[in-house]
PDB file of N, CA and C in Angstrom:
ATOM      1  N   UNK A   1     -12.739  -3.865  18.805  1.00  0.00           N
ATOM      2  CA  UNK A   1     -13.869  -2.933  18.352  1.00  0.00           C
ATOM      3  C   UNK A   1     -13.348  -1.317  18.599  1.00  0.00           C
ATOM      4  N   UNK A   2     -13.441  -0.162  18.016  1.00  0.00           N
ATOM      5  CA  UNK A   2     -13.165   0.568  18.485  1.00  0.00           C
ATOM      6  C   UNK A   2     -14.540   1.899  18.050  1.00  0.00           C
ATOM      7  N   UNK A   3     -15.030   2.484  18.964  1.00  0.00           N
ATOM      8  CA  UNK A   3     -15.982   3.625  18.894  1.00  0.00           C
ATOM      9  C   UNK A   3     -16.142   4.467  19.040  1.00  0.00           C
ATOM     10  N   UNK A   4     -16.320   5.625  18.407  1.00  0.00           N
ATOM     11  CA  UNK A   4     -16.189   7.053  18.622  1.00  0.00           C
ATOM     12  C   UNK A   4     -17.235   7.562  18.028  1.00  0.00           C
ATOM     13  N   UNK A   5     -17.706   8.531  19.338  1.00  0.00           N
ATOM     14  CA  UNK A   5     -19.272   9.398  19.023  1.00  0.00           C
ATOM     15  C   UNK A   5     -19.204  10.565  18.550  1.00  0.00           C
ATOM     16  N   UNK A   6     -19.473  10.856  17.431  1.00  0.00           N
ATOM     17  CA  UNK A   6     -19.619  12.162  16.714  1.00  0.00           C
ATOM     18  C   UNK A   6     -20.829  13.017  16.270  1.00  0.00           C
ATOM     19  N   UNK A   7     -21.253  13.861  16.891  1.00  0.00           N
ATOM     20  CA  UNK A   7     -22.641  14.999  17.136  1.00  0.00           C
ATOM     21  C   UNK A   7     -23.386  13.357  17.555  1.00  0.00           C
ATOM     22  N   UNK A   8     -24.640  13.647  17.017  1.00  0.00           N
ATOM     23  CA  UNK A   8     -25.486  12.534  17.532  1.00  0.00           C
ATOM     24  C   UNK A   8     -25.347  10.775  16.468  1.00  0.00           C
ATOM     25  N   UNK A   9     -24.141  10.318  16.003  1.00  0.00           N
ATOM     26  CA  UNK A   9     -23.831   9.322  15.612  1.00  0.00           C
ATOM     27  C   UNK A   9     -22.470   8.775  16.288  1.00  0.00           C
ATOM     28  N   UNK A  10     -22.375   7.394  16.272  1.00  0.00           N
ATOM     29  CA  UNK A  10     -21.766   6.830  16.616  1.00  0.00           C
ATOM     30  C   UNK A  10     -20.746   5.910  15.277  1.00  0.00           C
ATOM     31  N   UNK A  11     -19.381   6.033  15.362  1.00  0.00           N
ATOM     32  CA  UNK A  11     -18.657   5.634  14.059  1.00  0.00           C
ATOM     33  C   UNK A  11     -18.226   4.031  14.662  1.00  0.00           C
ATOM     34  N   UNK A  12     -18.022   3.088  14.084  1.00  0.00           N
ATOM     35  CA  UNK A  12     -17.754   1.693  14.688  1.00  0.00           C
ATOM     36  C   UNK A  12     -16.580   1.235  13.763  1.00  0.00           C
ATOM     37  N   UNK A  13     -15.488   1.245  14.107  1.00  0.00           N
ATOM     38  CA  UNK A  13     -14.184   0.381  13.587  1.00  0.00           C
ATOM     39  C   UNK A  13     -13.429  -0.725  13.796  1.00  0.00           C
ATOM     40  N   UNK A  14     -13.223  -1.646  12.907  1.00  0.00           N
ATOM     41  CA  UNK A  14     -13.027  -2.633  13.741  1.00  0.00           C
ATOM     42  C   UNK A  14     -11.769  -3.423  13.063  1.00  0.00           C
ATOM     43  N   UNK A  15     -11.093  -4.105  14.308  1.00  0.00           N
ATOM     44  CA  UNK A  15      -9.750  -4.568  13.829  1.00  0.00           C
ATOM     45  C   UNK A  15      -9.440  -6.162  14.525  1.00  0.00           C
ATOM     46  N   UNK A  16      -9.225  -7.061  13.479  1.00  0.00           N
ATOM     47  CA  UNK A  16      -9.001  -8.352  14.540  1.00  0.00           C
ATOM     48  C   UNK A  16      -7.623  -8.419  15.170  1.00  0.00           C
ATOM     49  N   UNK A  17      -7.478  -8.697  16.235  1.00  0.00           N
ATOM     50  CA  UNK A  17      -6.184  -8.848  16.951  1.00  0.00           C
ATOM     51  C   UNK A  17      -6.353 -10.683  17.553  1.00  0.00           C
ATOM     52  N   UNK A  18      -5.662 -11.080  17.798  1.00  0.00           N
ATOM     53  CA  UNK A  18      -5.373 -12.304  17.943  1.00  0.00           C
ATOM     54  C   UNK A  18      -6.073 -12.827  19.423  1.00  0.00           C
ATOM     55  N   UNK A  19      -5.750 -11.589  19.936  1.00  0.00           N
ATOM     56  CA  UNK A  19      -6.155 -11.816  21.984  1.00  0.00           C
ATOM     57  C   UNK A  19      -7.829 -11.904  21.644  1.00  0.00           C
ATOM     58  N   UNK A  20      -8.074 -11.081  20.216  1.00  0.00           N
ATOM     59  CA  UNK A  20      -9.639 -11.049  20.485  1.00  0.00           C
ATOM     60  C   UNK A  20     -10.446 -12.260  19.818  1.00  0.00           C
ATOM     61  N   UNK A  21      -9.780 -13.161  18.898  1.00  0.00           N
ATOM     62  CA  UNK A  21     -10.590 -13.683  17.631  1.00  0.00           C
ATOM     63  C   UNK A  21      -9.373 -15.048  17.549  1.00  0.00           C
ATOM     64  N   UNK A  22      -8.406 -15.139  18.169  1.00  0.00           N
ATOM     65  CA  UNK A  22      -7.290 -16.219  18.318  1.00  0.00           C
ATOM     66  C   UNK A  22      -7.492 -16.858  16.550  1.00  0.00           C
ATOM     67  N   UNK A  23      -7.671 -17.959  15.980  1.00  0.00           N
ATOM     68  CA  UNK A  23      -7.560 -18.498  14.918  1.00  0.00           C
ATOM     69  C   UNK A  23      -8.810 -19.175  14.572  1.00  0.00           C
ATOM     70  N   UNK A  24      -8.901 -18.749  12.789  1.00  0.00           N
ATOM     71  CA  UNK A  24      -7.723 -18.825  11.725  1.00  0.00           C
ATOM     72  C   UNK A  24      -7.545 -17.330  11.969  1.00  0.00           C
ATOM     73  N   UNK A  25      -6.317 -17.146  11.357  1.00  0.00           N
ATOM     74  CA  UNK A  25      -5.900 -15.958  11.391  1.00  0.00           C
ATOM     75  C   UNK A  25      -6.724 -14.959  10.566  1.00  0.00           C
ATOM     76  N   UNK A  26      -7.093 -13.671  10.751  1.00  0.00           N
ATOM     77  CA  UNK A  26      -7.725 -12.796  10.066  1.00  0.00           C
ATOM     78  C   UNK A  26      -6.864 -11.762   9.670  1.00  0.00           C
ATOM     79  N   UNK A  27      -7.490 -10.896   8.713  1.00  0.00           N
ATOM     80  CA  UNK A  27      -6.378  -9.466   8.542  1.00  0.00           C
ATOM     81  C   UNK A  27      -6.935  -8.649   9.624  1.00  0.00           C
ATOM     82  N   UNK A  28      -5.084  -7.796  10.056  1.00  0.00           N
ATOM     83  CA  UNK A  28      -5.428  -6.901  11.314  1.00  0.00           C
ATOM     84  C   UNK A  28      -5.493  -5.802  10.752  1.00  0.00           C
ATOM     85  N   UNK A  29      -6.037  -5.152   9.094  1.00  0.00           N
ATOM     86  CA  UNK A  29      -6.050  -3.511   8.670  1.00  0.00           C
ATOM     87  C   UNK A  29      -7.555  -3.373   9.508  1.00  0.00           C
ATOM     88  N   UNK A  30      -7.289  -2.156  10.533  1.00  0.00           N
ATOM     89  CA  UNK A  30      -8.744  -0.976  10.656  1.00  0.00           C
ATOM     90  C   UNK A  30      -9.670  -0.771   9.549  1.00  0.00           C
ATOM     91  N   UNK A  31     -10.578  -0.566   9.729  1.00  0.00           N
ATOM     92  CA  UNK A  31     -11.242  -0.228   8.870  1.00  0.00           C
ATOM     93  C   UNK A  31     -12.860   0.455   9.359  1.00  0.00           C
ATOM     94  N   UNK A  32     -13.856   1.010   8.994  1.00  0.00           N
ATOM     95  CA  UNK A  32     -14.737   1.716   9.190  1.00  0.00           C
ATOM     96  C   UNK A  32     -15.734   0.196   9.082  1.00  0.00           C
ATOM     97  N   UNK A  33     -16.216   0.346  10.043  1.00  0.00           N
ATOM     98  CA  UNK A  33     -17.612  -0.918   9.509  1.00  0.00           C
ATOM     99  C   UNK A  33     -18.764  -0.170   9.127  1.00  0.00           C
ATOM    100  N   UNK A  34     -19.204   0.294  10.000  1.00  0.00           N
ATOM    101  CA  UNK A  34     -20.407   1.246  10.309  1.00  0.00           C
ATOM    102  C   UNK A  34     -20.927   2.160  11.019  1.00  0.00           C
ATOM    103  N   UNK A  35     -21.901   2.751  10.950  1.00  0.00           N
ATOM    104  CA  UNK A  35     -22.432   4.184  11.622  1.00  0.00           C
ATOM    105  C   UNK A  35     -23.914   3.674  12.247  1.00  0.00           C
ATOM    106  N   UNK A  36     -23.872   4.701  13.505  1.00  0.00           N
ATOM    107  CA  UNK A  36     -25.430   4.722  13.823  1.00  0.00           C
ATOM    108  C   UNK A  36     -25.867   5.847  14.668  1.00  0.00           C
ATOM    109  N   UNK A  37     -27.290   6.412  13.799  1.00  0.00           N
ATOM    110  CA  UNK A  37     -27.486   7.068  14.195  1.00  0.00           C
ATOM    111  C   UNK A  37     -28.430   7.266  15.718  1.00  0.00           C
ATOM    112  N   UNK A  38     -28.798   8.204  16.130  1.00  0.00           N
ATOM    113  CA  UNK A  38     -29.084   8.350  17.728  1.00  0.00           C
ATOM    114  C   UNK A  38     -30.790   7.704  17.672  1.00  0.00           C
ATOM    115  N   UNK A  39     -30.903   6.431  18.698  1.00  0.00           N
ATOM    116  CA  UNK A  39     -31.999   5.651  18.746  1.00  0.00           C
ATOM    117  C   UNK A  39     -31.784   4.430  17.797  1.00  0.00           C
ATOM    118  N   UNK A  40     -30.652   3.893  17.667  1.00  0.00           N
ATOM    119  CA  UNK A  40     -30.280   2.766  16.819  1.00  0.00           C
ATOM    120  C   UNK A  40     -29.066   2.232  17.193  1.00  0.00           C
ATOM    121  N   UNK A  41     -29.048   1.029  16.582  1.00  0.00           N
ATOM    122  CA  UNK A  41     -28.733  -0.301  17.954  1.00  0.00           C
ATOM    123  C   UNK A  41     -27.698  -1.223  16.835  1.00  0.00           C
ATOM    124  N   UNK A  42     -26.717  -1.879  17.112  1.00  0.00           N
ATOM    125  CA  UNK A  42     -26.437  -2.947  16.431  1.00  0.00           C
ATOM    126  C   UNK A  42     -25.498  -3.924  17.180  1.00  0.00           C
ATOM    127  N   UNK A  43     -25.255  -5.269  16.508  1.00  0.00           N
ATOM    128  CA  UNK A  43     -25.048  -6.538  17.473  1.00  0.00           C
ATOM    129  C   UNK A  43     -23.692  -6.620  16.272  1.00  0.00           C
ATOM    130  N   UNK A  44     -22.735  -7.488  17.131  1.00  0.00           N
ATOM    131  CA  UNK A  44     -21.802  -7.468  16.436  1.00  0.00           C
ATOM    132  C   UNK A  44     -21.334  -9.177  17.106  1.00  0.00           C
ATOM    133  N   UNK A  45     -20.811  -9.767  16.337  1.00  0.00           N
ATOM    134  CA  UNK A  45     -20.485 -11.619  16.524  1.00  0.00           C
ATOM    135  C   UNK A  45     -19.452 -11.834  16.125  1.00  0.00           C
ATOM    136  N   UNK A  46     -18.741 -12.167  16.809  1.00  0.00           N
ATOM    137  CA  UNK A  46     -17.393 -12.753  16.210  1.00  0.00           C
ATOM    138  C   UNK A  46     -17.343 -13.820  16.841  1.00  0.00           C
ATOM    139  N   UNK A  47     -16.190 -15.101  16.574  1.00  0.00           N
ATOM    140  CA  UNK A  47     -15.777 -16.152  16.984  1.00  0.00           C
ATOM    141  C   UNK A  47     -14.198 -16.122  17.470  1.00  0.00           C
ATOM    142  N   UNK A  48     -13.512 -17.051  18.065  1.00  0.00           N
ATOM    143  CA  UNK A  48     -12.415 -17.410  17.748  1.00  0.00           C
ATOM    144  C   UNK A  48     -11.929 -18.623  18.226  1.00  0.00           C
ATOM    145  N   UNK A  49     -10.994 -19.477  17.773  1.00  0.00           N
ATOM    146  CA  UNK A  49     -10.274 -20.324  18.322  1.00  0.00           C
ATOM    147  C   UNK A  49      -8.898 -19.716  19.260  1.00  0.00           C
ATOM    148  N   UNK A  50      -8.728 -20.962  19.853  1.00  0.00           N
ATOM    149  CA  UNK A  50      -7.214 -20.169  21.091  1.00  0.00           C
ATOM    150  C   UNK A  50      -6.649 -21.422  21.403  1.00  0.00           C
ATOM    151  N   UNK A  51      -5.195 -21.577  21.313  1.00  0.00           N
ATOM    152  CA  UNK A  51      -4.491 -22.291  21.424  1.00  0.00           C
ATOM    153  C   UNK A  51      -4.772 -22.467  23.107  1.00  0.00           C
ATOM    154  N   UNK A  52      -4.599 -23.819  23.665  1.00  0.00           N
ATOM    155  CA  UNK A  52      -4.732 -24.487  25.328  1.00  0.00           C
ATOM    156  C   UNK A  52      -3.291 -24.438  25.476  1.00  0.00           C
ATOM    157  N   UNK A  53      -2.065 -23.728  25.170  1.00  0.00           N
ATOM    158  CA  UNK A  53      -0.734 -23.317  25.549  1.00  0.00           C
ATOM    159  C   UNK A  53      -0.697 -25.147  26.335  1.00  0.00           C
ATOM    160  N   UNK A  54      -0.587 -25.338  27.320  1.00  0.00           N
ATOM    161  CA  UNK A  54       0.489 -26.104  27.741  1.00  0.00           C
ATOM    162  C   UNK A  54      -0.499 -27.598  28.021  1.00  0.00           C
ATOM    163  N   UNK A  55      -1.536 -27.151  28.016  1.00  0.00           N
ATOM    164  CA  UNK A  55      -3.187 -28.156  28.093  1.00  0.00           C
ATOM    165  C   UNK A  55      -2.612 -28.657  26.500  1.00  0.00           C
ATOM    166  N   UNK A  56      -2.038 -28.363  25.653  1.00  0.00           N
ATOM    167  CA  UNK A  56      -2.269 -28.628  24.258  1.00  0.00           C
ATOM    168  C   UNK A  56      -3.856 -29.590  23.905  1.00  0.00           C
ATOM    169  N   UNK A  57      -4.751 -28.526  24.584  1.00  0.00           N
ATOM    170  CA  UNK A  57      -6.337 -28.454  23.569  1.00  0.00           C
ATOM    171  C   UNK A  57      -6.581 -27.341  22.988  1.00  0.00           C
ATOM    172  N   UNK A  58      -7.281 -27.305  22.419  1.00  0.00           N
ATOM    173  CA  UNK A  58      -8.123 -25.870  21.582  1.00  0.00           C
ATOM    174  C   UNK A  58      -9.556 -25.344  22.554  1.00  0.00           C
ATOM    175  N   UNK A  59      -9.036 -24.236  22.852  1.00  0.00           N
ATOM    176  CA  UNK A  59     -10.409 -23.512  23.588  1.00  0.00           C
ATOM    177  C   UNK A  59     -11.131 -22.423  22.636  1.00  0.00           C
ATOM    178  N   UNK A  60     -12.528 -22.102  22.497  1.00  0.00           N
ATOM    179  CA  UNK A  60     -13.615 -21.579  22.141  1.00  0.00           C
ATOM    180  C   UNK A  60     -13.981 -20.422  22.504  1.00  0.00           C
ATOM    181  N   UNK A  61     -14.099 -19.699  22.000  1.00  0.00           N
ATOM    182  CA  UNK A  61     -14.985 -18.230  22.242  1.00  0.00           C
ATOM    183  C   UNK A  61     -16.233 -17.878  21.375  1.00  0.00           C
ATOM    184  N   UNK A  62     -17.011 -17.191  21.579  1.00  0.00           N
ATOM    185  CA  UNK A  62     -18.148 -16.465  20.876  1.00  0.00           C
ATOM    186  C   UNK A  62     -18.304 -15.410  21.695  1.00  0.00           C
ATOM    187  N   UNK A  63     -18.107 -14.173  20.932  1.00  0.00           N
ATOM    188  CA  UNK A  63     -18.184 -12.694  21.644  1.00  0.00           C
ATOM    189  C   UNK A  63     -19.386 -12.513  20.619  1.00  0.00           C
ATOM    190  N   UNK A  64     -20.386 -11.760  21.745  1.00  0.00           N
ATOM    191  CA  UNK A  64     -21.638 -10.925  20.800  1.00  0.00           C
ATOM    192  C   UNK A  64     -21.627  -9.697  21.624  1.00  0.00           C
ATOM    193  N   UNK A  65     -21.787  -8.553  21.024  1.00  0.00           N
ATOM    194  CA  UNK A  65     -21.399  -6.969  21.412  1.00  0.00           C
ATOM    195  C   UNK A  65     -23.016  -6.421  20.785  1.00  0.00           C
ATOM    196  N   UNK A  66     -23.069  -5.579  21.885  1.00  0.00           N
ATOM    197  CA  UNK A  66     -24.503  -4.709  21.524  1.00  0.00           C
ATOM    198  C   UNK A  66     -24.146  -3.575  21.448  1.00  0.00           C
ATOM    199  N   UNK A  67     -24.244  -2.911  20.705  1.00  0.00           N
ATOM    200  CA  UNK A  67     -23.624  -1.497  20.630  1.00  0.00           C
ATOM    201  C   UNK A  67     -24.855  -0.047  20.278  1.00  0.00           C
ATOM    202  N   UNK A  68     -25.265   1.229  21.297  1.00  0.00           N
ATOM    203  CA  UNK A  68     -26.352   1.777  20.757  1.00  0.00           C
ATOM    204  C   UNK A  68     -26.221   3.150  21.199  1.00  0.00           C
ATOM    205  N   UNK A  69     -27.482   3.873  20.664  1.00  0.00           N
ATOM    206  CA  UNK A  69     -26.988   5.099  21.101  1.00  0.00           C
ATOM    207  C   UNK A  69     -28.290   5.827  20.941  1.00  0.00           C
ATOM    208  N   UNK A  70     -28.765   6.232  22.340  1.00  0.00           N
ATOM    209  CA  UNK A  70     -29.881   7.021  22.756  1.00  0.00           C
ATOM    210  C   UNK A  70     -30.008   7.717  23.847  1.00  0.00           C
ATOM    211  N   UNK A  71     -30.969   8.539  23.626  1.00  0.00           N
ATOM    212  CA  UNK A  71     -30.986   9.211  24.491  1.00  0.00           C
ATOM    213  C   UNK A  71     -31.306   8.581  25.640  1.00  0.00           C
ATOM    214  N   UNK A  72     -32.547   8.082  25.355  1.00  0.00           N
ATOM    215  CA  UNK A  72     -33.130   7.317  27.189  1.00  0.00           C
ATOM    216  C   UNK A  72     -33.338   5.872  26.441  1.00  0.00           C
ATOM    217  N   UNK A  73     -32.507   4.659  26.951  1.00  0.00           N
ATOM    218  CA  UNK A  73     -32.910   3.640  26.804  1.00  0.00           C
ATOM    219  C   UNK A  73     -33.425   2.440  27.655  1.00  0.00           C
ATOM    220  N   UNK A  74     -34.630   2.013  27.397  1.00  0.00           N
ATOM    221  CA  UNK A  74     -34.996   0.863  27.627  1.00  0.00           C
ATOM    222  C   UNK A  74     -34.398   0.024  28.256  1.00  0.00           C
ATOM    223  N   UNK A  75     -34.687  -1.046  29.230  1.00  0.00           N
ATOM    224  CA  UNK A  75     -33.583  -2.121  29.955  1.00  0.00           C
ATOM    225  C   UNK A  75     -34.006  -3.364  28.481  1.00  0.00           C
ATOM    226  N   UNK A  76     -35.176  -3.308  28.137  1.00  0.00           N
ATOM    227  CA  UNK A  76     -35.066  -4.371  27.380  1.00  0.00           C
ATOM    228  C   UNK A  76     -35.110  -4.095  25.910  1.00  0.00           C
ATOM    229  N   UNK A  77     -34.141  -3.092  25.334  1.00  0.00           N
ATOM    230  CA  UNK A  77     -33.950  -2.773  24.053  1.00  0.00           C
ATOM    231  C   UNK A  77     -33.258  -3.491  23.323  1.00  0.00           C
ATOM    232  N   UNK A  78     -32.627  -4.256  23.434  1.00  0.00           N
ATOM    233  CA  UNK A  78     -31.750  -5.452  23.045  1.00  0.00           C
ATOM    234  C   UNK A  78     -32.248  -6.582  23.204  1.00  0.00           C
ATOM    235  N   UNK A  79     -32.888  -7.023  23.860  1.00  0.00           N
ATOM    236  CA  UNK A  79     -34.093  -7.849  23.944  1.00  0.00           C
ATOM    237  C   UNK A  79     -35.485  -8.395  22.981  1.00  0.00           C
ATOM    238  N   UNK A  80     -36.075  -6.817  22.965  1.00  0.00           N
ATOM    239  CA  UNK A  80     -37.259  -6.955  22.398  1.00  0.00           C
ATOM    240  C   UNK A  80     -37.403  -6.177  21.532  1.00  0.00           C
ATOM    241  N   UNK A  81     -36.150  -5.899  20.633  1.00  0.00           N
ATOM    242  CA  UNK A  81     -36.234  -5.171  19.381  1.00  0.00           C
ATOM    243  C   UNK A  81     -35.232  -5.669  18.417  1.00  0.00           C
ATOM    244  N   UNK A  82     -35.396  -5.647  17.156  1.00  0.00           N
ATOM    245  CA  UNK A  82     -34.444  -6.148  16.025  1.00  0.00           C
ATOM    246  C   UNK A  82     -33.416  -5.095  16.001  1.00  0.00           C
ATOM    247  N   UNK A  83     -31.839  -5.178  16.055  1.00  0.00           N
ATOM    248  CA  UNK A  83     -30.930  -4.537  15.531  1.00  0.00           C
ATOM    249  C   UNK A  83     -31.425  -3.739  14.027  1.00  0.00           C
ATOM    250  N   UNK A  84     -30.698  -2.787  14.088  1.00  0.00           N
ATOM    251  CA  UNK A  84     -30.210  -2.040  13.114  1.00  0.00           C
ATOM    252  C   UNK A  84     -29.456  -2.660  12.378  1.00  0.00           C
ATOM    253  N   UNK A  85     -28.195  -2.778  12.577  1.00  0.00           N
ATOM    254  CA  UNK A  85     -27.158  -3.282  11.923  1.00  0.00           C
ATOM    255  C   UNK A  85     -26.632  -4.476  12.179  1.00  0.00           C
ATOM    256  N   UNK A  86     -26.863  -6.028  11.506  1.00  0.00           N
ATOM    257  CA  UNK A  86     -25.926  -6.588  12.580  1.00  0.00           C
ATOM    258  C   UNK A  86     -24.784  -7.298  11.347  1.00  0.00           C
ATOM    259  N   UNK A  87     -23.801  -7.187  12.662  1.00  0.00           N
ATOM    260  CA  UNK A  87     -22.161  -7.605  11.383  1.00  0.00           C
ATOM    261  C   UNK A  87     -21.921  -8.817  12.504  1.00  0.00           C
ATOM    262  N   UNK A  88     -21.833  -9.778  11.413  1.00  0.00           N
ATOM    263  CA  UNK A  88     -21.378 -11.743  11.945  1.00  0.00           C
ATOM    264  C   UNK A  88     -20.257 -11.954  11.689  1.00  0.00           C
ATOM    265  N   UNK A  89     -19.425 -11.799  12.107  1.00  0.00           N
ATOM    266  CA  UNK A  89     -18.199 -12.160  11.688  1.00  0.00           C
ATOM    267  C   UNK A  89     -17.165 -13.595  12.110  1.00  0.00           C
ATOM    268  N   UNK A  90     -18.565 -14.537  12.126  1.00  0.00           N
ATOM    269  CA  UNK A  90     -18.081 -16.230  12.802  1.00  0.00           C
ATOM    270  C   UNK A  90     -17.402 -16.561  11.516  1.00  0.00           C
ATOM    271  N   UNK A  91     -16.664 -17.366  11.937  1.00  0.00           N
ATOM    272  CA  UNK A  91     -15.294 -18.216  11.558  1.00  0.00           C
ATOM    273  C   UNK A  91     -15.918 -19.423  11.511  1.00  0.00           C
ATOM    274  N   UNK A  92     -15.426 -20.057  10.501  1.00  0.00           N
ATOM    275  CA  UNK A  92     -15.340 -21.660  11.197  1.00  0.00           C
ATOM    276  C   UNK A  92     -14.122 -21.935  11.570  1.00  0.00           C
ATOM    277  N   UNK A  93     -13.918 -22.669  12.845  1.00  0.00           N
ATOM    278  CA  UNK A  93     -12.905 -22.591  13.361  1.00  0.00           C
ATOM    279  C   UNK A  93     -12.403 -23.780  13.794  1.00  0.00           C
ATOM    280  N   UNK A  94     -12.884 -25.067  13.325  1.00  0.00           N
ATOM    281  CA  UNK A  94     -12.436 -26.034  13.221  1.00  0.00           C
ATOM    282  C   UNK A  94     -11.140 -26.660  12.733  1.00  0.00           C
TER     283      UNK A  94
END
């Protein structure tokens, strides 16, 4: 995840890496995903399956990121309001 602030906007780019998402393999091409204006926020959800190495079992991880741009932010904004953008990149990992 790459976030750049430009004036009163956030530009969010995404690239899958094996360290972040493990298996199944996914494209590793960086692309702009969305922009957020002032007082907007987004939720990004992704998951992955990871080789257990010498333990010979899989581990699984789900990641949820909340990203926002606010002049003043209330502590409860991510709980009490709905995101302006939802990017759900969860994959079937069995």
